[in-house]
Amino acid sequence: MSSQTAQLPEAFEALPEDEERVFTVEFFRRAVPFDSGALDDSKTTDAADQLLASLQ
């Protein structure tokens, strides 16, 4: 990862909340489509468990 790329998360977190939302929408609008392939139930459950744990 380049140093410029490594600085992006900190720059993002320094934005006011409303600007973070605007940036996020624009970022996803421009993001390259990604096909992760089919997910089975266990992968979906694992991803949901990890997300829930990170929110607690």
PDB file of N, CA and C in Angstrom:
ATOM      1  N   MET A   1       0.853  -1.169   0.000  1.00  0.00           N
ATOM      2  CA  MET A   1       0.000   0.000   0.000  1.00  0.00           C
ATOM      3  C   MET A   1       0.897   1.230   0.000  1.00  0.00           C
ATOM      4  N   SER A   2       0.562   2.178  -0.860  1.00  0.00           N
ATOM      5  CA  SER A   2       1.350   3.407  -0.936  1.00  0.00           C
ATOM      6  C   SER A   2       1.092   4.274   0.300  1.00  0.00           C
ATOM      7  N   SER A   3       1.988   5.210   0.537  1.00  0.00           N
ATOM      8  CA  SER A   3       1.803   6.111   1.681  1.00  0.00           C
ATOM      9  C   SER A   3       0.572   6.993   1.480  1.00  0.00           C
ATOM     10  N   GLN A   4       0.288   7.363   0.225  1.00  0.00           N
ATOM     11  CA  GLN A   4      -0.915   8.154  -0.048  1.00  0.00           C
ATOM     12  C   GLN A   4      -2.172   7.381   0.335  1.00  0.00           C
ATOM     13  N   THR A   5      -2.206   6.118  -0.029  1.00  0.00           N
ATOM     14  CA  THR A   5      -3.366   5.272   0.294  1.00  0.00           C
ATOM     15  C   THR A   5      -3.482   5.091   1.801  1.00  0.00           C
ATOM     16  N   ALA A   6      -2.380   4.911   2.476  1.00  0.00           N
ATOM     17  CA  ALA A   6      -2.393   4.726   3.927  1.00  0.00           C
ATOM     18  C   ALA A   6      -2.923   5.963   4.650  1.00  0.00           C
ATOM     19  N   GLN A   7      -2.784   7.134   4.069  1.00  0.00           N
ATOM     20  CA  GLN A   7      -3.246   8.376   4.692  1.00  0.00           C
ATOM     21  C   GLN A   7      -4.746   8.612   4.496  1.00  0.00           C
ATOM     22  N   LEU A   8      -5.357   7.922   3.562  1.00  0.00           N
ATOM     23  CA  LEU A   8      -6.770   8.153   3.266  1.00  0.00           C
ATOM     24  C   LEU A   8      -7.704   7.928   4.450  1.00  0.00           C
ATOM     25  N   PRO A   9      -7.569   6.840   5.217  1.00  0.00           N
ATOM     26  CA  PRO A   9      -8.496   6.665   6.348  1.00  0.00           C
ATOM     27  C   PRO A   9      -8.425   7.812   7.362  1.00  0.00           C
ATOM     28  N   GLU A  10      -7.236   8.285   7.657  1.00  0.00           N
ATOM     29  CA  GLU A  10      -7.113   9.398   8.613  1.00  0.00           C
ATOM     30  C   GLU A  10      -7.734  10.672   8.052  1.00  0.00           C
ATOM     31  N   ALA A  11      -7.529  10.924   6.761  1.00  0.00           N
ATOM     32  CA  ALA A  11      -8.122  12.108   6.139  1.00  0.00           C
ATOM     33  C   ALA A  11      -9.641  12.006   6.163  1.00  0.00           C
ATOM     34  N   PHE A  12     -10.155  10.814   5.905  1.00  0.00           N
ATOM     35  CA  PHE A  12     -11.599  10.598   5.939  1.00  0.00           C
ATOM     36  C   PHE A  12     -12.153  10.867   7.333  1.00  0.00           C
ATOM     37  N   GLU A  13     -11.493  10.331   8.357  1.00  0.00           N
ATOM     38  CA  GLU A  13     -11.964  10.497   9.729  1.00  0.00           C
ATOM     39  C   GLU A  13     -11.868  11.948  10.203  1.00  0.00           C
ATOM     40  N   ALA A  14     -11.058  12.757   9.555  1.00  0.00           N
ATOM     41  CA  ALA A  14     -10.931  14.164   9.927  1.00  0.00           C
ATOM     42  C   ALA A  14     -12.075  15.011   9.352  1.00  0.00           C
ATOM     43  N   LEU A  15     -12.852  14.440   8.430  1.00  0.00           N
ATOM     44  CA  LEU A  15     -13.963  15.182   7.827  1.00  0.00           C
ATOM     45  C   LEU A  15     -15.131  15.322   8.802  1.00  0.00           C
ATOM     46  N   PRO A  16     -15.916  16.383   8.674  1.00  0.00           N
ATOM     47  CA  PRO A  16     -17.167  16.462   9.441  1.00  0.00           C
ATOM     48  C   PRO A  16     -18.094  15.323   8.992  1.00  0.00           C
ATOM     49  N   GLU A  17     -19.009  14.914   9.868  1.00  0.00           N
ATOM     50  CA  GLU A  17     -19.883  13.774   9.580  1.00  0.00           C
ATOM     51  C   GLU A  17     -20.636  13.916   8.262  1.00  0.00           C
ATOM     52  N   ASP A  18     -21.170  15.085   8.002  1.00  0.00           N
ATOM     53  CA  ASP A  18     -21.935  15.245   6.765  1.00  0.00           C
ATOM     54  C   ASP A  18     -21.048  15.079   5.534  1.00  0.00           C
ATOM     55  N   GLU A  19     -19.798  15.513   5.612  1.00  0.00           N
ATOM     56  CA  GLU A  19     -18.869  15.331   4.507  1.00  0.00           C
ATOM     57  C   GLU A  19     -18.456  13.863   4.367  1.00  0.00           C
ATOM     58  N   GLU A  20     -18.358  13.141   5.478  1.00  0.00           N
ATOM     59  CA  GLU A  20     -18.067  11.707   5.408  1.00  0.00           C
ATOM     60  C   GLU A  20     -19.160  10.995   4.619  1.00  0.00           C
ATOM     61  N   ARG A  21     -20.418  11.360   4.886  1.00  0.00           N
ATOM     62  CA  ARG A  21     -21.540  10.738   4.166  1.00  0.00           C
ATOM     63  C   ARG A  21     -21.470  11.046   2.671  1.00  0.00           C
ATOM     64  N   VAL A  22     -21.232  12.302   2.343  1.00  0.00           N
ATOM     65  CA  VAL A  22     -21.150  12.706   0.939  1.00  0.00           C
ATOM     66  C   VAL A  22     -20.003  11.959   0.244  1.00  0.00           C
ATOM     67  N   PHE A  23     -18.868  11.894   0.909  1.00  0.00           N
ATOM     68  CA  PHE A  23     -17.721  11.195   0.332  1.00  0.00           C
ATOM     69  C   PHE A  23     -18.018   9.713   0.136  1.00  0.00           C
ATOM     70  N   THR A  24     -18.641   9.091   1.126  1.00  0.00           N
ATOM     71  CA  THR A  24     -18.941   7.666   1.043  1.00  0.00           C
ATOM     72  C   THR A  24     -19.849   7.362  -0.139  1.00  0.00           C
ATOM     73  N   VAL A  25     -20.872   8.164  -0.325  1.00  0.00           N
ATOM     74  CA  VAL A  25     -21.777   7.977  -1.468  1.00  0.00           C
ATOM     75  C   VAL A  25     -20.995   8.100  -2.774  1.00  0.00           C
ATOM     76  N   GLU A  26     -20.171   9.118  -2.880  1.00  0.00           N
ATOM     77  CA  GLU A  26     -19.399   9.332  -4.104  1.00  0.00           C
ATOM     78  C   GLU A  26     -18.390   8.210  -4.330  1.00  0.00           C
ATOM     79  N   PHE A  27     -17.762   7.754  -3.260  1.00  0.00           N
ATOM     80  CA  PHE A  27     -16.782   6.659  -3.369  1.00  0.00           C
ATOM     81  C   PHE A  27     -17.441   5.399  -3.922  1.00  0.00           C
ATOM     82  N   PHE A  28     -18.586   5.022  -3.344  1.00  0.00           N
ATOM     83  CA  PHE A  28     -19.259   3.813  -3.813  1.00  0.00           C
ATOM     84  C   PHE A  28     -19.823   3.987  -5.225  1.00  0.00           C
ATOM     85  N   ARG A  29     -20.191   5.185  -5.587  1.00  0.00           N
ATOM     86  CA  ARG A  29     -20.673   5.425  -6.934  1.00  0.00           C
ATOM     87  C   ARG A  29     -19.574   5.169  -7.954  1.00  0.00           C
ATOM     88  N   ARG A  30     -18.347   5.485  -7.576  1.00  0.00           N
ATOM     89  CA  ARG A  30     -17.211   5.337  -8.485  1.00  0.00           C
ATOM     90  C   ARG A  30     -16.506   3.987  -8.366  1.00  0.00           C
ATOM     91  N   ALA A  31     -16.794   3.230  -7.332  1.00  0.00           N
ATOM     92  CA  ALA A  31     -16.082   1.975  -7.084  1.00  0.00           C
ATOM     93  C   ALA A  31     -16.267   0.992  -8.244  1.00  0.00           C
ATOM     94  N   VAL A  32     -15.219   0.258  -8.514  1.00  0.00           N
ATOM     95  CA  VAL A  32     -15.255  -0.764  -9.554  1.00  0.00           C
ATOM     96  C   VAL A  32     -16.154  -1.903  -9.072  1.00  0.00           C
ATOM     97  N   PRO A  33     -17.051  -2.378  -9.929  1.00  0.00           N
ATOM     98  CA  PRO A  33     -17.906  -3.508  -9.521  1.00  0.00           C
ATOM     99  C   PRO A  33     -17.043  -4.697  -9.096  1.00  0.00           C
ATOM    100  N   PHE A  34     -17.485  -5.383  -8.074  1.00  0.00           N
ATOM    101  CA  PHE A  34     -16.737  -6.524  -7.536  1.00  0.00           C
ATOM    102  C   PHE A  34     -17.675  -7.703  -7.401  1.00  0.00           C
ATOM    103  N   ASP A  35     -17.325  -8.799  -8.028  1.00  0.00           N
ATOM    104  CA  ASP A  35     -18.125 -10.015  -7.929  1.00  0.00           C
ATOM    105  C   ASP A  35     -17.402 -10.986  -7.012  1.00  0.00           C
ATOM    106  N   SER A  36     -17.927 -11.147  -5.811  1.00  0.00           N
ATOM    107  CA  SER A  36     -17.295 -12.053  -4.850  1.00  0.00           C
ATOM    108  C   SER A  36     -17.734 -13.492  -5.048  1.00  0.00           C
ATOM    109  N   GLY A  37     -18.633 -13.712  -5.989  1.00  0.00           N
ATOM    110  CA  GLY A  37     -19.126 -15.057  -6.209  1.00  0.00           C
ATOM    111  C   GLY A  37     -20.243 -15.372  -5.228  1.00  0.00           C
ATOM    112  N   ALA A  38     -20.761 -16.547  -5.368  1.00  0.00           N
ATOM    113  CA  ALA A  38     -21.869 -16.971  -4.500  1.00  0.00           C
ATOM    114  C   ALA A  38     -21.388 -17.167  -3.064  1.00  0.00           C
ATOM    115  N   LEU A  39     -22.220 -16.741  -2.125  1.00  0.00           N
ATOM    116  CA  LEU A  39     -21.924 -16.958  -0.709  1.00  0.00           C
ATOM    117  C   LEU A  39     -22.824 -18.055  -0.179  1.00  0.00           C
ATOM    118  N   ASP A  40     -22.235 -18.935   0.594  1.00  0.00           N
ATOM    119  CA  ASP A  40     -23.084 -19.934   1.228  1.00  0.00           C
ATOM    120  C   ASP A  40     -23.536 -19.421   2.592  1.00  0.00           C
ATOM    121  N   ASP A  41     -24.471 -20.105   3.197  1.00  0.00           N
ATOM    122  CA  ASP A  41     -25.047 -19.643   4.459  1.00  0.00           C
ATOM    123  C   ASP A  41     -24.002 -19.485   5.560  1.00  0.00           C
ATOM    124  N   SER A  42     -23.028 -20.371   5.623  1.00  0.00           N
ATOM    125  CA  SER A  42     -22.035 -20.285   6.697  1.00  0.00           C
ATOM    126  C   SER A  42     -21.161 -19.043   6.533  1.00  0.00           C
ATOM    127  N   LYS A  43     -20.817 -18.683   5.287  1.00  0.00           N
ATOM    128  CA  LYS A  43     -20.014 -17.473   5.061  1.00  0.00           C
ATOM    129  C   LYS A  43     -20.821 -16.227   5.412  1.00  0.00           C
ATOM    130  N   THR A  44     -22.089 -16.226   5.057  1.00  0.00           N
ATOM    131  CA  THR A  44     -22.948 -15.097   5.376  1.00  0.00           C
ATOM    132  C   THR A  44     -23.107 -14.956   6.879  1.00  0.00           C
ATOM    133  N   THR A  45     -23.318 -16.067   7.566  1.00  0.00           N
ATOM    134  CA  THR A  45     -23.458 -16.058   9.022  1.00  0.00           C
ATOM    135  C   THR A  45     -22.178 -15.570   9.685  1.00  0.00           C
ATOM    136  N   ASP A  46     -21.029 -16.050   9.209  1.00  0.00           N
ATOM    137  CA  ASP A  46     -19.748 -15.619   9.771  1.00  0.00           C
ATOM    138  C   ASP A  46     -19.543 -14.114   9.580  1.00  0.00           C
ATOM    139  N   ALA A  47     -19.863 -13.607   8.388  1.00  0.00           N
ATOM    140  CA  ALA A  47     -19.708 -12.175   8.121  1.00  0.00           C
ATOM    141  C   ALA A  47     -20.633 -11.358   9.013  1.00  0.00           C
ATOM    142  N   ALA A  48     -21.867 -11.821   9.198  1.00  0.00           N
ATOM    143  CA  ALA A  48     -22.815 -11.121  10.058  1.00  0.00           C
ATOM    144  C   ALA A  48     -22.337 -11.131  11.510  1.00  0.00           C
ATOM    145  N   ASP A  49     -21.819 -12.262  11.973  1.00  0.00           N
ATOM    146  CA  ASP A  49     -21.295 -12.358  13.338  1.00  0.00           C
ATOM    147  C   ASP A  49     -20.133 -11.400  13.547  1.00  0.00           C
ATOM    148  N   GLN A  50     -19.234 -11.309  12.570  1.00  0.00           N
ATOM    149  CA  GLN A  50     -18.089 -10.403  12.685  1.00  0.00           C
ATOM    150  C   GLN A  50     -18.542  -8.945  12.691  1.00  0.00           C
ATOM    151  N   LEU A  51     -19.504  -8.629  11.853  1.00  0.00           N
ATOM    152  CA  LEU A  51     -20.018  -7.257  11.821  1.00  0.00           C
ATOM    153  C   LEU A  51     -20.695  -6.906  13.139  1.00  0.00           C
ATOM    154  N   LEU A  52     -21.518  -7.782  13.648  1.00  0.00           N
ATOM    155  CA  LEU A  52     -22.195  -7.541  14.915  1.00  0.00           C
ATOM    156  C   LEU A  52     -21.193  -7.364  16.052  1.00  0.00           C
ATOM    157  N   ALA A  53     -20.171  -8.211  16.082  1.00  0.00           N
ATOM    158  CA  ALA A  53     -19.164  -8.111  17.130  1.00  0.00           C
ATOM    159  C   ALA A  53     -18.428  -6.773  17.059  1.00  0.00           C
ATOM    160  N   SER A  54     -18.182  -6.267  15.845  1.00  0.00           N
ATOM    161  CA  SER A  54     -17.461  -4.999  15.713  1.00  0.00           C
ATOM    162  C   SER A  54     -18.324  -3.810  16.129  1.00  0.00           C
ATOM    163  N   LEU A  55     -19.651  -3.980  16.126  1.00  0.00           N
ATOM    164  CA  LEU A  55     -20.557  -2.891  16.502  1.00  0.00           C
ATOM    165  C   LEU A  55     -20.819  -2.830  17.997  1.00  0.00           C
ATOM    166  N   GLN A  56     -20.416  -3.841  18.712  1.00  0.00           N
ATOM    167  CA  GLN A  56     -20.691  -3.875  20.167  1.00  0.00           C
ATOM    168  C   GLN A  56     -19.620  -3.179  20.949  1.00  0.00           C
TER     169      GLN A  56
END
